[in-house]
Amino acid sequence: MERNLGFEAEHMERALKDETNVKFYKDAQAGRTGVLTTENVKLGAMTMTNVLLREKRVHMLEEGHLVSQVLSERSGASRQR
């Protein structure tokens, strides 16, 4: 979650504090929640997304949801993130 503009990450963290299995990235150096999105960070995120798309590990659904599938060799099941 980006933290550059309107403290989006901090707002989301407070709003979702009572939800289970919800985690936020904490920038230890800045002492804040969220990622400071510099040009280099955006380029890295785009590069990683392109790699995951090519490897068919991330899929774009019609509804606009981002889904990552992790296949288990033992069970053959998939997990959504």
C-alpha atoms as a PDB file:
ATOM      1  CA  MET A   1       0.000   0.000   0.000  1.00  0.00           C
ATOM      2  CA  GLU A   2       1.369   3.371  -0.996  1.00  0.00           C
ATOM      3  CA  ARG A   3       2.007   5.981   1.688  1.00  0.00           C
ATOM      4  CA  ASN A   4       3.045   8.999  -0.395  1.00  0.00           C
ATOM      5  CA  LEU A   5      -0.098  11.046  -0.788  1.00  0.00           C
ATOM      6  CA  GLY A   6      -2.834  10.885   1.811  1.00  0.00           C
ATOM      7  CA  PHE A   7      -1.554   8.368   4.345  1.00  0.00           C
ATOM      8  CA  GLU A   8      -3.478   5.601   2.535  1.00  0.00           C
ATOM      9  CA  ALA A   9      -1.573   2.772   4.210  1.00  0.00           C
ATOM     10  CA  GLU A  10      -2.114   4.142   7.718  1.00  0.00           C
ATOM     11  CA  HIS A  11      -5.825   4.663   7.031  1.00  0.00           C
ATOM     12  CA  MET A  12      -6.218   1.120   5.699  1.00  0.00           C
ATOM     13  CA  GLU A  13      -4.271  -0.338   8.609  1.00  0.00           C
ATOM     14  CA  ARG A  14      -6.581   1.380  11.122  1.00  0.00           C
ATOM     15  CA  ALA A  15      -9.707   0.400   9.179  1.00  0.00           C
ATOM     16  CA  LEU A  16      -8.678  -3.262   8.972  1.00  0.00           C
ATOM     17  CA  LYS A  17      -7.008  -3.648  12.385  1.00  0.00           C
ATOM     18  CA  ASP A  18      -9.619  -6.148  13.631  1.00  0.00           C
ATOM     19  CA  GLU A  19      -9.583  -8.332  10.496  1.00  0.00           C
ATOM     20  CA  THR A  20      -7.802 -11.676  10.587  1.00  0.00           C
ATOM     21  CA  ASN A  21      -4.988 -12.550   8.181  1.00  0.00           C
ATOM     22  CA  VAL A  22      -4.428  -8.916   7.159  1.00  0.00           C
ATOM     23  CA  LYS A  23      -0.809  -7.785   7.192  1.00  0.00           C
ATOM     24  CA  PHE A  24       0.822  -4.492   6.248  1.00  0.00           C
ATOM     25  CA  TYR A  25       4.382  -3.710   5.239  1.00  0.00           C
ATOM     26  CA  LYS A  26       6.143  -1.606   7.893  1.00  0.00           C
ATOM     27  CA  ASP A  27       9.018   0.625   6.820  1.00  0.00           C
ATOM     28  CA  ALA A  28      11.302   0.208   9.841  1.00  0.00           C
ATOM     29  CA  GLN A  29      13.589   3.093   8.865  1.00  0.00           C
ATOM     30  CA  ALA A  30      10.722   5.578   8.518  1.00  0.00           C
ATOM     31  CA  GLY A  31       8.658   4.029  11.294  1.00  0.00           C
ATOM     32  CA  ARG A  32       5.575   4.048   9.069  1.00  0.00           C
ATOM     33  CA  THR A  33       3.204   1.636   7.385  1.00  0.00           C
ATOM     34  CA  GLY A  34       3.333   1.363   3.597  1.00  0.00           C
ATOM     35  CA  VAL A  35       5.793   1.746   0.764  1.00  0.00           C
ATOM     36  CA  LEU A  36       7.270   5.076  -0.254  1.00  0.00           C
ATOM     37  CA  THR A  37       6.746   4.850  -4.004  1.00  0.00           C
ATOM     38  CA  THR A  38       9.737   6.333  -5.757  1.00  0.00           C
ATOM     39  CA  GLU A  39      10.378   5.933  -9.474  1.00  0.00           C
ATOM     40  CA  ASN A  40      12.727   3.004  -8.735  1.00  0.00           C
ATOM     41  CA  VAL A  41      10.126   1.257  -6.563  1.00  0.00           C
ATOM     42  CA  LYS A  42       7.462   1.666  -9.282  1.00  0.00           C
ATOM     43  CA  LEU A  43       9.850   0.304 -11.936  1.00  0.00           C
ATOM     44  CA  GLY A  44      10.691  -2.689  -9.720  1.00  0.00           C
ATOM     45  CA  ALA A  45       7.008  -3.423  -9.078  1.00  0.00           C
ATOM     46  CA  MET A  46       6.210  -3.206 -12.788  1.00  0.00           C
ATOM     47  CA  THR A  47       9.141  -5.472 -13.661  1.00  0.00           C
ATOM     48  CA  MET A  48       8.098  -8.052 -11.068  1.00  0.00           C
ATOM     49  CA  THR A  49       4.482  -7.955 -12.275  1.00  0.00           C
ATOM     50  CA  ASN A  50       5.608  -8.499 -15.876  1.00  0.00           C
ATOM     51  CA  VAL A  51       7.739 -11.489 -14.832  1.00  0.00           C
ATOM     52  CA  LEU A  52       4.847 -13.014 -12.847  1.00  0.00           C
ATOM     53  CA  LEU A  53       2.457 -12.489 -15.771  1.00  0.00           C
ATOM     54  CA  ARG A  54       4.891 -14.174 -18.200  1.00  0.00           C
ATOM     55  CA  GLU A  55       5.277 -17.098 -15.797  1.00  0.00           C
ATOM     56  CA  LYS A  56       1.483 -17.326 -15.476  1.00  0.00           C
ATOM     57  CA  ARG A  57       1.734 -16.833 -11.712  1.00  0.00           C
ATOM     58  CA  VAL A  58      -0.500 -13.737 -11.752  1.00  0.00           C
ATOM     59  CA  HIS A  59      -3.736 -13.457 -13.672  1.00  0.00           C
ATOM     60  CA  MET A  60      -6.032 -10.539 -14.415  1.00  0.00           C
ATOM     61  CA  LEU A  61      -9.691 -11.451 -14.069  1.00  0.00           C
ATOM     62  CA  GLU A  62     -12.587  -9.689 -15.791  1.00  0.00           C
ATOM     63  CA  GLU A  63     -13.691  -8.175 -12.489  1.00  0.00           C
ATOM     64  CA  GLY A  64     -10.299  -6.511 -12.172  1.00  0.00           C
ATOM     65  CA  HIS A  65      -9.092  -8.637  -9.246  1.00  0.00           C
ATOM     66  CA  LEU A  66      -5.446  -9.607  -9.059  1.00  0.00           C
ATOM     67  CA  VAL A  67      -4.965 -13.297  -8.304  1.00  0.00           C
ATOM     68  CA  SER A  68      -1.744 -15.189  -7.773  1.00  0.00           C
ATOM     69  CA  GLN A  69      -1.921 -18.953  -8.052  1.00  0.00           C
ATOM     70  CA  VAL A  70       0.477 -21.180  -6.178  1.00  0.00           C
ATOM     71  CA  LEU A  71       0.245 -24.825  -7.236  1.00  0.00           C
ATOM     72  CA  SER A  72       0.965 -27.545  -4.730  1.00  0.00           C
ATOM     73  CA  GLU A  73       2.749 -30.564  -6.215  1.00  0.00           C
ATOM     74  CA  ARG A  74       1.422 -32.844  -3.486  1.00  0.00           C
ATOM     75  CA  SER A  75      -2.261 -31.935  -3.525  1.00  0.00           C
ATOM     76  CA  GLY A  76      -2.643 -30.347  -6.950  1.00  0.00           C
ATOM     77  CA  ALA A  77      -4.661 -27.592  -5.267  1.00  0.00           C
ATOM     78  CA  SER A  78      -4.259 -23.889  -5.984  1.00  0.00           C
ATOM     79  CA  ARG A  79      -4.228 -21.047  -3.514  1.00  0.00           C
ATOM     80  CA  GLN A  80      -5.409 -17.500  -4.222  1.00  0.00           C
ATOM     81  CA  ARG A  81      -3.754 -14.415  -2.775  1.00  0.00           C
END
